[in-house]
Amino acid sequence: MASISASSSDRTPGARAFATLGLLTLAYAFNFMDRFALVAMVEPVKRDLALNDGQVGLLLGFAFSLIYAVLGVPMAALADRWGRVRVICLSLAFWSVMTMAASRASGFASLAAARVGVGVGEAGGTPPAHSLLADTFRGRWLPVAMAVYSTGSGIGLAAGLALGGALANAFGWRAALVAIGAPGMILAVLIWFAVPQAAPTPTFTPVTPSHGVPHGPGRSLLILATAMGFAAFGGFAALAWLPPLGLRVHGQDGAAALGAALGIGNMLGILAGGLAGIVVERSKRLPLPRLCAIISICTAALLVGACSVDGPKAFVWLSLAMAFSHSVLLAPVMSEAQRLAAPGRRAAASAIVLLLVNTLGAGGGPWVVGMLADALGPAGGLRHALAWAALGYLPAAALFLSLPQRELRHGD
């Protein structure tokens, strides 16, 4: 099959492509808003349901992410065959319903069951969206589109933490979950009718044994996914536990501005990552493995710093910087995952990365920190446990550096 020329692939996309990008970004924002609203309600939920930090870590981690990770690959395969838009819309509607269902929880088991349901729904959101974007935006536009889409996580994170806390304080955490979950039903209908339900089409990149995945994930894709999984261990631990840490150690002064700081840092970092993807594509001095390794080490240092400072202002600023640094990784890594995949298997490639991100990161990070915090005791236990989570960035850096540079050069 003839490849599309590089100049043609760099042509500016049309208005419908950007409309699709906007709707998918909004769906991704709802994904993170529904997921992280519970973080802002940890203290009242913990008190009302008589939970400990270990149980909270499970609710914020494995109760959600394990099923999310396990179902990601089969949901991606379903999307590539049955229709990506259909899977996105039905998944969005389901996780919205399960977010509202969590408001009826009477204890750990029922709240965990609702979180599992949220994970089931959200498993069908991101991989099909990545696949759609890879077919809609090509060449230099792909990392830009991935970066814009990924800002949905920052928007949703900030909205979930801010709205979750404000609504829970005003109306109680149960009513807050209903209010946060309901808008997703409307968005699911809008996407169903507004986004073209086209089948996957090949991009300009030719599929070869060294640059594609014709018969399954290649070695580079697996290394990339594992490295991002270790980085996500520290990243998701920070997202889950920095807000409770701010409240416990720094009081309301440390907690009030933190949600906005994490969201802003996340969004700015993702946009910077999109620009970094373009720089990496054209640079011989800063290949992707080296860039990602440097970012990982810097993020580890910033997380330790945020856990160590005493003043609330320094805590908020270091948390913002840590969220920024971690988020720079997202767009380059997810763009490379799409470039390493064969046409028709891009949703599966995204799901493979998310499988490692959600088992090692979103599942392991919050749970391990919660267990360590219980073991270390109330006097600074959470602060020390979260600082230890920064160690996840070290194997991430080593794995990034082990990536074969020639396979990650764009346009090879």
Foldseek 3Di string as FASTA:
>chain_A
DAFDDLVVLQDDFDPLLVVLLVLLLLLLLLLQLLLCLVLLVVVVVCVQQVHALLLLLQLQAVLQLVLLLVCLQVLLLCCLPVFLLVLQLVLLLQLLVLLLQCLVDNHSVSNSPSSNSNSNSCSSRPLSSLQVLPQRHGNLVSLQSLLSSQLSNLNNQLCSNQQSNVCCVVPNNNVSSNVSSPVSNVSSVVSSPSHDRDHWDFHNADDDPLWACPPHDDPLLLLLLQLLLLLLLLVLLCSNCLLVCQCLQVNCLQNVCQSNLLSVLLSLLSNLLSVVLVVCLPDPVCHQLNLLLVLLVVLLVLQLQLLPDRHSVSNSNSSSPSSSSSNSNRSNSLSSLQRHYGTSCSSSSNSSSSSSNRVSHSHNNSNQLSVQLVVVDDPSRSSVSSSVSSVSSNVSSVSSNPRDRVNRRPPD
